[in-house]
């Protein structure tokens, strides 16, 4: 299998036969059913967790505001972070891994677009909680959640910069940078998945931290506290399920074990 693909390489060193164009790697009916199930389920969950977070903030946390109401300003933080780190990043990962209906350069651009769209969400989410804590005279970077968030943001920025230069800018010298890009693919993919799981872990610890705060709120009735508990628990479970499905989609291949060329052909 490897030799047959290498035999199709032109002078520049790139393959002309793509993985999905090889008849040996064609999907059967079960593979397509699995593909559709992953796409539909992941879309429902990625959008659903954002809607659930919006519902929680709007109906149980008092809605949104900016610096004039620091308690409501804080509510921007969970919405924007879930939108950027989970929903947009999750779609970006799944599109890159699962999209089979267009040229790969367009898939790369869509992948980059979703990650780029996540940047302002993450930046505004960070500023909202930072300003809110300063006005309310709360400590910043005092909990596991805050430090996990700091590491997640740093890794996200690093991944974006490395991905942009390695897989888009280096295409200007496609043949000369082929070996470098081939070596970067598994590193970028593994760190990207690790970053996604870090974002989920940060979100879950943030939910737990917020639950502890609301448990001490004397203004909340017992019924409202119980409903909030169910909502935040549903959010946490949904986030973990999203992580499992995205990991399955990224790591799952329907190719025979002898097909070793997939990673390098996807650059």
C-alpha atoms as a PDB file:
ATOM      1  CA  UNK A   1       0.000   0.000   0.000  1.00  0.00           C
ATOM      2  CA  UNK A   2       2.718   2.445   1.004  1.00  0.00           C
ATOM      3  CA  UNK A   3       4.855   1.625  -2.033  1.00  0.00           C
ATOM      4  CA  UNK A   4       1.938   1.969  -4.410  1.00  0.00           C
ATOM      5  CA  UNK A   5       1.186   5.486  -3.122  1.00  0.00           C
ATOM      6  CA  UNK A   6       4.819   6.510  -3.138  1.00  0.00           C
ATOM      7  CA  UNK A   7       5.013   5.378  -6.732  1.00  0.00           C
ATOM      8  CA  UNK A   8       2.417   8.010  -7.630  1.00  0.00           C
ATOM      9  CA  UNK A   9       4.455  10.904  -6.267  1.00  0.00           C
ATOM     10  CA  UNK A  10       5.507  13.528  -8.836  1.00  0.00           C
ATOM     11  CA  UNK A  11       8.859  15.294  -8.883  1.00  0.00           C
ATOM     12  CA  UNK A  12       7.798  17.809  -6.234  1.00  0.00           C
ATOM     13  CA  UNK A  13       7.230  15.087  -3.639  1.00  0.00           C
ATOM     14  CA  UNK A  14       3.458  15.388  -3.149  1.00  0.00           C
ATOM     15  CA  UNK A  15       1.004  12.599  -3.836  1.00  0.00           C
ATOM     16  CA  UNK A  16      -1.543  12.843  -6.627  1.00  0.00           C
ATOM     17  CA  UNK A  17      -3.808  10.118  -5.213  1.00  0.00           C
ATOM     18  CA  UNK A  18      -5.610  11.156  -2.082  1.00  0.00           C
ATOM     19  CA  UNK A  19      -6.622   8.774   0.663  1.00  0.00           C
ATOM     20  CA  UNK A  20     -10.366   9.018   0.031  1.00  0.00           C
ATOM     21  CA  UNK A  21      -9.857   8.534  -3.743  1.00  0.00           C
ATOM     22  CA  UNK A  22      -8.206   5.138  -3.273  1.00  0.00           C
ATOM     23  CA  UNK A  23     -10.778   2.371  -3.944  1.00  0.00           C
ATOM     24  CA  UNK A  24      -9.148   0.272  -1.205  1.00  0.00           C
ATOM     25  CA  UNK A  25     -10.198   2.930   1.301  1.00  0.00           C
ATOM     26  CA  UNK A  26     -13.767   3.413   0.027  1.00  0.00           C
ATOM     27  CA  UNK A  27     -16.450   3.612   2.709  1.00  0.00           C
ATOM     28  CA  UNK A  28     -19.204   1.040   2.944  1.00  0.00           C
ATOM     29  CA  UNK A  29     -22.792   1.621   4.141  1.00  0.00           C
ATOM     30  CA  UNK A  30     -21.872   1.115   7.811  1.00  0.00           C
ATOM     31  CA  UNK A  31     -19.053   3.662   7.537  1.00  0.00           C
ATOM     32  CA  UNK A  32     -21.404   6.243   6.052  1.00  0.00           C
ATOM     33  CA  UNK A  33     -24.007   5.575   8.760  1.00  0.00           C
ATOM     34  CA  UNK A  34     -21.325   6.070  11.416  1.00  0.00           C
ATOM     35  CA  UNK A  35     -20.195   9.265   9.681  1.00  0.00           C
ATOM     36  CA  UNK A  36     -23.738  10.697   9.557  1.00  0.00           C
ATOM     37  CA  UNK A  37     -24.387   9.728  13.174  1.00  0.00           C
ATOM     38  CA  UNK A  38     -21.238  11.520  14.348  1.00  0.00           C
ATOM     39  CA  UNK A  39     -22.025  14.638  12.285  1.00  0.00           C
ATOM     40  CA  UNK A  40     -25.651  14.892  13.455  1.00  0.00           C
ATOM     41  CA  UNK A  41     -24.993  14.042  17.107  1.00  0.00           C
ATOM     42  CA  UNK A  42     -21.962  16.334  17.429  1.00  0.00           C
ATOM     43  CA  UNK A  43     -23.831  19.242  15.789  1.00  0.00           C
ATOM     44  CA  UNK A  44     -26.781  18.828  18.176  1.00  0.00           C
ATOM     45  CA  UNK A  45     -24.500  18.688  21.219  1.00  0.00           C
ATOM     46  CA  UNK A  46     -22.172  21.530  20.200  1.00  0.00           C
ATOM     47  CA  UNK A  47     -25.081  23.874  19.528  1.00  0.00           C
ATOM     48  CA  UNK A  48     -27.123  22.445  22.412  1.00  0.00           C
ATOM     49  CA  UNK A  49     -24.512  23.130  25.099  1.00  0.00           C
ATOM     50  CA  UNK A  50     -24.308  26.762  23.970  1.00  0.00           C
ATOM     51  CA  UNK A  51     -28.109  27.120  24.045  1.00  0.00           C
ATOM     52  CA  UNK A  52     -28.228  25.462  27.472  1.00  0.00           C
ATOM     53  CA  UNK A  53     -25.598  27.890  28.782  1.00  0.00           C
ATOM     54  CA  UNK A  54     -27.554  30.839  27.348  1.00  0.00           C
ATOM     55  CA  UNK A  55     -30.747  29.561  28.955  1.00  0.00           C
ATOM     56  CA  UNK A  56     -29.025  29.191  32.333  1.00  0.00           C
ATOM     57  CA  UNK A  57     -27.510  32.688  32.220  1.00  0.00           C
ATOM     58  CA  UNK A  58     -30.630  34.437  30.902  1.00  0.00           C
ATOM     59  CA  UNK A  59     -33.221  32.854  33.191  1.00  0.00           C
ATOM     60  CA  UNK A  60     -31.265  32.000  36.352  1.00  0.00           C
ATOM     61  CA  UNK A  61     -28.246  34.342  36.463  1.00  0.00           C
ATOM     62  CA  UNK A  62     -29.879  37.670  35.594  1.00  0.00           C
ATOM     63  CA  UNK A  63     -28.815  38.110  31.963  1.00  0.00           C
ATOM     64  CA  UNK A  64     -25.973  40.233  30.587  1.00  0.00           C
ATOM     65  CA  UNK A  65     -24.458  43.656  31.198  1.00  0.00           C
ATOM     66  CA  UNK A  66     -21.074  45.341  30.966  1.00  0.00           C
ATOM     67  CA  UNK A  67     -19.085  47.287  33.573  1.00  0.00           C
ATOM     68  CA  UNK A  68     -22.126  49.116  34.998  1.00  0.00           C
ATOM     69  CA  UNK A  69     -23.352  45.805  36.476  1.00  0.00           C
ATOM     70  CA  UNK A  70     -20.313  43.661  37.292  1.00  0.00           C
ATOM     71  CA  UNK A  71     -22.341  40.666  38.491  1.00  0.00           C
ATOM     72  CA  UNK A  72     -24.149  40.490  35.132  1.00  0.00           C
ATOM     73  CA  UNK A  73     -20.909  41.305  33.300  1.00  0.00           C
ATOM     74  CA  UNK A  74     -19.504  38.063  34.663  1.00  0.00           C
ATOM     75  CA  UNK A  75     -22.303  36.185  32.860  1.00  0.00           C
ATOM     76  CA  UNK A  76     -20.664  36.988  29.529  1.00  0.00           C
ATOM     77  CA  UNK A  77     -17.741  34.812  30.578  1.00  0.00           C
ATOM     78  CA  UNK A  78     -19.369  31.339  30.456  1.00  0.00           C
ATOM     79  CA  UNK A  79     -21.296  32.119  27.252  1.00  0.00           C
ATOM     80  CA  UNK A  80     -18.304  33.445  25.314  1.00  0.00           C
ATOM     81  CA  UNK A  81     -15.893  30.794  26.560  1.00  0.00           C
ATOM     82  CA  UNK A  82     -18.247  27.933  25.701  1.00  0.00           C
ATOM     83  CA  UNK A  83     -18.911  29.541  22.298  1.00  0.00           C
ATOM     84  CA  UNK A  84     -15.194  29.987  21.538  1.00  0.00           C
ATOM     85  CA  UNK A  85     -13.450  27.043  23.148  1.00  0.00           C
ATOM     86  CA  UNK A  86     -16.156  24.389  22.743  1.00  0.00           C
ATOM     87  CA  UNK A  87     -18.698  25.166  20.011  1.00  0.00           C
ATOM     88  CA  UNK A  88     -16.528  26.945  17.430  1.00  0.00           C
ATOM     89  CA  UNK A  89     -13.388  24.927  18.168  1.00  0.00           C
ATOM     90  CA  UNK A  90     -15.386  21.692  18.146  1.00  0.00           C
ATOM     91  CA  UNK A  91     -16.875  22.477  14.744  1.00  0.00           C
ATOM     92  CA  UNK A  92     -13.429  23.443  13.466  1.00  0.00           C
ATOM     93  CA  UNK A  93     -11.920  20.100  14.517  1.00  0.00           C
ATOM     94  CA  UNK A  94     -14.829  18.059  13.148  1.00  0.00           C
ATOM     95  CA  UNK A  95     -14.925  19.895   9.816  1.00  0.00           C
ATOM     96  CA  UNK A  96     -11.215  19.295   9.286  1.00  0.00           C
ATOM     97  CA  UNK A  97     -11.534  15.617  10.150  1.00  0.00           C
ATOM     98  CA  UNK A  98     -14.876  14.759   8.563  1.00  0.00           C
ATOM     99  CA  UNK A  99     -15.405  17.088   5.599  1.00  0.00           C
ATOM    100  CA  UNK A 100     -15.130  15.048   2.380  1.00  0.00           C
ATOM    101  CA  UNK A 101     -17.055  17.222  -0.083  1.00  0.00           C
ATOM    102  CA  UNK A 102     -14.468  19.820  -1.160  1.00  0.00           C
ATOM    103  CA  UNK A 103     -10.770  20.378  -1.865  1.00  0.00           C
ATOM    104  CA  UNK A 104      -8.590  20.098   1.192  1.00  0.00           C
ATOM    105  CA  UNK A 105      -7.263  23.667   0.944  1.00  0.00           C
ATOM    106  CA  UNK A 106     -10.839  24.910   1.418  1.00  0.00           C
ATOM    107  CA  UNK A 107     -11.242  22.612   4.419  1.00  0.00           C
ATOM    108  CA  UNK A 108      -8.082  24.152   5.875  1.00  0.00           C
ATOM    109  CA  UNK A 109      -9.451  27.660   5.370  1.00  0.00           C
ATOM    110  CA  UNK A 110     -12.781  26.782   7.029  1.00  0.00           C
ATOM    111  CA  UNK A 111     -10.851  25.121   9.881  1.00  0.00           C
ATOM    112  CA  UNK A 112      -8.834  28.316  10.343  1.00  0.00           C
ATOM    113  CA  UNK A 113     -11.952  30.514  10.037  1.00  0.00           C
ATOM    114  CA  UNK A 114     -13.740  28.753  12.904  1.00  0.00           C
ATOM    115  CA  UNK A 115     -10.664  29.003  15.129  1.00  0.00           C
ATOM    116  CA  UNK A 116     -10.219  32.665  14.156  1.00  0.00           C
ATOM    117  CA  UNK A 117     -13.886  33.329  15.016  1.00  0.00           C
ATOM    118  CA  UNK A 118     -13.239  31.814  18.450  1.00  0.00           C
ATOM    119  CA  UNK A 119     -10.484  34.351  19.232  1.00  0.00           C
ATOM    120  CA  UNK A 120     -12.735  37.421  19.873  1.00  0.00           C
ATOM    121  CA  UNK A 121     -15.112  35.240  21.917  1.00  0.00           C
ATOM    122  CA  UNK A 122     -12.251  34.051  24.119  1.00  0.00           C
ATOM    123  CA  UNK A 123     -10.725  37.548  24.424  1.00  0.00           C
ATOM    124  CA  UNK A 124     -14.041  39.170  25.414  1.00  0.00           C
ATOM    125  CA  UNK A 125     -14.833  36.291  27.772  1.00  0.00           C
ATOM    126  CA  UNK A 126     -11.508  36.797  29.533  1.00  0.00           C
ATOM    127  CA  UNK A 127     -11.929  40.594  29.740  1.00  0.00           C
ATOM    128  CA  UNK A 128     -15.466  40.284  31.126  1.00  0.00           C
ATOM    129  CA  UNK A 129     -14.452  38.065  34.044  1.00  0.00           C
ATOM    130  CA  UNK A 130     -11.276  40.067  34.692  1.00  0.00           C
ATOM    131  CA  UNK A 131     -13.179  43.397  34.849  1.00  0.00           C
ATOM    132  CA  UNK A 132     -15.973  41.877  36.908  1.00  0.00           C
ATOM    133  CA  UNK A 133     -13.551  40.496  39.493  1.00  0.00           C
ATOM    134  CA  UNK A 134     -11.687  43.797  39.717  1.00  0.00           C
ATOM    135  CA  UNK A 135     -14.878  45.810  40.290  1.00  0.00           C
ATOM    136  CA  UNK A 136     -16.196  43.303  42.850  1.00  0.00           C
ATOM    137  CA  UNK A 137     -12.714  43.158  44.448  1.00  0.00           C
ATOM    138  CA  UNK A 138     -12.333  39.436  43.895  1.00  0.00           C
ATOM    139  CA  UNK A 139      -8.993  37.732  43.366  1.00  0.00           C
ATOM    140  CA  UNK A 140      -7.891  36.756  39.863  1.00  0.00           C
ATOM    141  CA  UNK A 141      -6.083  33.467  39.160  1.00  0.00           C
ATOM    142  CA  UNK A 142      -6.819  32.022  42.575  1.00  0.00           C
ATOM    143  CA  UNK A 143      -8.474  28.709  41.637  1.00  0.00           C
ATOM    144  CA  UNK A 144      -7.801  25.588  39.588  1.00  0.00           C
ATOM    145  CA  UNK A 145     -10.385  26.786  37.059  1.00  0.00           C
ATOM    146  CA  UNK A 146      -8.614  30.088  36.442  1.00  0.00           C
ATOM    147  CA  UNK A 147      -5.176  28.496  36.007  1.00  0.00           C
ATOM    148  CA  UNK A 148      -6.524  25.802  33.700  1.00  0.00           C
ATOM    149  CA  UNK A 149      -8.140  28.586  31.673  1.00  0.00           C
ATOM    150  CA  UNK A 150      -4.862  30.481  31.481  1.00  0.00           C
ATOM    151  CA  UNK A 151      -3.017  27.373  30.208  1.00  0.00           C
ATOM    152  CA  UNK A 152      -5.831  26.636  27.725  1.00  0.00           C
ATOM    153  CA  UNK A 153      -5.719  30.162  26.291  1.00  0.00           C
ATOM    154  CA  UNK A 154      -1.929  30.039  25.971  1.00  0.00           C
ATOM    155  CA  UNK A 155      -2.013  26.683  24.188  1.00  0.00           C
ATOM    156  CA  UNK A 156      -4.816  27.891  21.906  1.00  0.00           C
ATOM    157  CA  UNK A 157      -2.824  30.935  20.781  1.00  0.00           C
ATOM    158  CA  UNK A 158       0.303  28.815  20.259  1.00  0.00           C
ATOM    159  CA  UNK A 159      -1.644  26.251  18.234  1.00  0.00           C
ATOM    160  CA  UNK A 160      -3.248  28.925  16.070  1.00  0.00           C
ATOM    161  CA  UNK A 161       0.041  30.659  15.277  1.00  0.00           C
ATOM    162  CA  UNK A 162       1.906  27.411  14.540  1.00  0.00           C
ATOM    163  CA  UNK A 163      -0.980  26.078  12.428  1.00  0.00           C
ATOM    164  CA  UNK A 164      -1.301  29.304  10.446  1.00  0.00           C
ATOM    165  CA  UNK A 165       2.380  29.470   9.539  1.00  0.00           C
ATOM    166  CA  UNK A 166       2.974  25.724   9.149  1.00  0.00           C
ATOM    167  CA  UNK A 167      -0.040  24.767   7.048  1.00  0.00           C
ATOM    168  CA  UNK A 168      -0.996  27.974   5.219  1.00  0.00           C
ATOM    169  CA  UNK A 169       2.006  30.298   4.931  1.00  0.00           C
ATOM    170  CA  UNK A 170       4.383  27.411   4.143  1.00  0.00           C
ATOM    171  CA  UNK A 171       2.207  26.457   1.163  1.00  0.00           C
ATOM    172  CA  UNK A 172       3.957  29.284  -0.678  1.00  0.00           C
ATOM    173  CA  UNK A 173       6.898  26.863  -0.937  1.00  0.00           C
ATOM    174  CA  UNK A 174       4.818  23.699  -1.008  1.00  0.00           C
ATOM    175  CA  UNK A 175       7.405  21.241  -2.324  1.00  0.00           C
ATOM    176  CA  UNK A 176      10.287  22.463  -0.160  1.00  0.00           C
ATOM    177  CA  UNK A 177       8.242  22.481   3.050  1.00  0.00           C
ATOM    178  CA  UNK A 178       6.476  19.135   2.482  1.00  0.00           C
ATOM    179  CA  UNK A 179       8.617  17.149   4.942  1.00  0.00           C
ATOM    180  CA  UNK A 180       8.297  19.849   7.618  1.00  0.00           C
ATOM    181  CA  UNK A 181       4.521  19.995   7.271  1.00  0.00           C
ATOM    182  CA  UNK A 182       4.320  16.195   7.314  1.00  0.00           C
ATOM    183  CA  UNK A 183       6.218  16.118  10.608  1.00  0.00           C
ATOM    184  CA  UNK A 184       4.001  18.844  12.089  1.00  0.00           C
ATOM    185  CA  UNK A 185       0.639  17.193  11.316  1.00  0.00           C
ATOM    186  CA  UNK A 186       0.551  14.594  14.157  1.00  0.00           C
ATOM    187  CA  UNK A 187       1.976  17.135  16.644  1.00  0.00           C
ATOM    188  CA  UNK A 188      -0.585  19.791  15.711  1.00  0.00           C
ATOM    189  CA  UNK A 189      -3.451  17.265  15.772  1.00  0.00           C
ATOM    190  CA  UNK A 190      -2.476  15.808  19.155  1.00  0.00           C
ATOM    191  CA  UNK A 191      -1.947  19.200  20.797  1.00  0.00           C
ATOM    192  CA  UNK A 192      -5.222  20.452  19.306  1.00  0.00           C
ATOM    193  CA  UNK A 193      -7.147  17.555  20.809  1.00  0.00           C
ATOM    194  CA  UNK A 194      -5.364  18.029  24.151  1.00  0.00           C
ATOM    195  CA  UNK A 195      -6.290  21.724  24.050  1.00  0.00           C
ATOM    196  CA  UNK A 196      -9.933  20.845  23.382  1.00  0.00           C
ATOM    197  CA  UNK A 197      -9.997  18.511  26.391  1.00  0.00           C
ATOM    198  CA  UNK A 198      -8.330  21.213  28.497  1.00  0.00           C
ATOM    199  CA  UNK A 199     -11.125  23.591  27.469  1.00  0.00           C
ATOM    200  CA  UNK A 200     -13.728  21.027  28.546  1.00  0.00           C
ATOM    201  CA  UNK A 201     -11.958  20.430  31.864  1.00  0.00           C
ATOM    202  CA  UNK A 202     -11.782  24.189  32.441  1.00  0.00           C
ATOM    203  CA  UNK A 203     -15.485  24.573  31.669  1.00  0.00           C
ATOM    204  CA  UNK A 204     -16.452  21.763  34.040  1.00  0.00           C
ATOM    205  CA  UNK A 205     -14.311  23.165  36.883  1.00  0.00           C
ATOM    206  CA  UNK A 206     -15.855  26.584  36.214  1.00  0.00           C
ATOM    207  CA  UNK A 207     -19.348  25.114  36.560  1.00  0.00           C
ATOM    208  CA  UNK A 208     -18.362  23.465  39.855  1.00  0.00           C
ATOM    209  CA  UNK A 209     -16.858  26.721  41.122  1.00  0.00           C
ATOM    210  CA  UNK A 210     -20.006  28.670  40.231  1.00  0.00           C
ATOM    211  CA  UNK A 211     -22.213  26.056  41.905  1.00  0.00           C
ATOM    212  CA  UNK A 212     -20.251  26.471  45.139  1.00  0.00           C
ATOM    213  CA  UNK A 213     -20.787  30.235  44.995  1.00  0.00           C
ATOM    214  CA  UNK A 214     -24.539  29.981  44.350  1.00  0.00           C
ATOM    215  CA  UNK A 215     -24.933  27.460  47.174  1.00  0.00           C
ATOM    216  CA  UNK A 216     -24.032  30.304  49.570  1.00  0.00           C
ATOM    217  CA  UNK A 217     -26.461  32.807  47.981  1.00  0.00           C
ATOM    218  CA  UNK A 218     -29.229  33.571  50.528  1.00  0.00           C
ATOM    219  CA  UNK A 219     -31.409  35.220  47.856  1.00  0.00           C
ATOM    220  CA  UNK A 220     -31.936  31.958  45.964  1.00  0.00           C
ATOM    221  CA  UNK A 221     -34.931  29.810  46.817  1.00  0.00           C
ATOM    222  CA  UNK A 222     -34.436  26.090  47.326  1.00  0.00           C
ATOM    223  CA  UNK A 223     -36.432  25.323  44.168  1.00  0.00           C
ATOM    224  CA  UNK A 224     -34.320  27.638  42.002  1.00  0.00           C
ATOM    225  CA  UNK A 225     -31.127  26.267  43.496  1.00  0.00           C
ATOM    226  CA  UNK A 226     -32.240  22.715  42.664  1.00  0.00           C
ATOM    227  CA  UNK A 227     -33.193  23.640  39.071  1.00  0.00           C
ATOM    228  CA  UNK A 228     -29.856  25.395  38.565  1.00  0.00           C
ATOM    229  CA  UNK A 229     -28.107  22.312  39.866  1.00  0.00           C
ATOM    230  CA  UNK A 230     -29.852  20.151  37.251  1.00  0.00           C
ATOM    231  CA  UNK A 231     -29.056  22.625  34.460  1.00  0.00           C
ATOM    232  CA  UNK A 232     -25.376  22.943  35.330  1.00  0.00           C
ATOM    233  CA  UNK A 233     -25.084  19.170  35.742  1.00  0.00           C
ATOM    234  CA  UNK A 234     -26.604  18.733  32.275  1.00  0.00           C
ATOM    235  CA  UNK A 235     -24.070  21.227  30.910  1.00  0.00           C
ATOM    236  CA  UNK A 236     -21.165  19.333  32.481  1.00  0.00           C
ATOM    237  CA  UNK A 237     -22.331  15.949  31.175  1.00  0.00           C
ATOM    238  CA  UNK A 238     -22.911  17.401  27.692  1.00  0.00           C
ATOM    239  CA  UNK A 239     -19.401  18.853  27.638  1.00  0.00           C
ATOM    240  CA  UNK A 240     -17.853  15.488  28.530  1.00  0.00           C
ATOM    241  CA  UNK A 241     -19.937  13.694  25.870  1.00  0.00           C
ATOM    242  CA  UNK A 242     -18.812  16.283  23.309  1.00  0.00           C
ATOM    243  CA  UNK A 243     -15.191  15.572  24.214  1.00  0.00           C
ATOM    244  CA  UNK A 244     -15.731  11.826  23.767  1.00  0.00           C
ATOM    245  CA  UNK A 245     -17.448  12.218  20.386  1.00  0.00           C
ATOM    246  CA  UNK A 246     -14.842  14.653  19.030  1.00  0.00           C
ATOM    247  CA  UNK A 247     -12.031  12.365  20.182  1.00  0.00           C
ATOM    248  CA  UNK A 248     -13.744   9.381  18.548  1.00  0.00           C
ATOM    249  CA  UNK A 249     -14.210  11.329  15.302  1.00  0.00           C
ATOM    250  CA  UNK A 250     -10.591  12.476  15.226  1.00  0.00           C
ATOM    251  CA  UNK A 251      -8.992   9.149  16.125  1.00  0.00           C
ATOM    252  CA  UNK A 252     -11.408   6.821  14.321  1.00  0.00           C
ATOM    253  CA  UNK A 253     -10.475   5.713  10.798  1.00  0.00           C
ATOM    254  CA  UNK A 254     -12.376   3.330   8.578  1.00  0.00           C
ATOM    255  CA  UNK A 255      -9.266   2.467   6.609  1.00  0.00           C
ATOM    256  CA  UNK A 256      -7.566  -0.931   6.679  1.00  0.00           C
ATOM    257  CA  UNK A 257      -4.637  -1.226   9.066  1.00  0.00           C
ATOM    258  CA  UNK A 258      -2.179  -1.288   6.157  1.00  0.00           C
ATOM    259  CA  UNK A 259      -3.091   2.251   5.023  1.00  0.00           C
ATOM    260  CA  UNK A 260      -0.282   4.331   6.508  1.00  0.00           C
ATOM    261  CA  UNK A 261      -0.390   7.411   4.294  1.00  0.00           C
ATOM    262  CA  UNK A 262      -3.449   9.235   5.614  1.00  0.00           C
ATOM    263  CA  UNK A 263      -1.734  11.769   7.892  1.00  0.00           C
ATOM    264  CA  UNK A 264       0.765  13.052   5.379  1.00  0.00           C
ATOM    265  CA  UNK A 265      -1.801  13.227   2.574  1.00  0.00           C
ATOM    266  CA  UNK A 266      -4.038  15.494   4.642  1.00  0.00           C
ATOM    267  CA  UNK A 267      -1.543  18.373   4.739  1.00  0.00           C
END
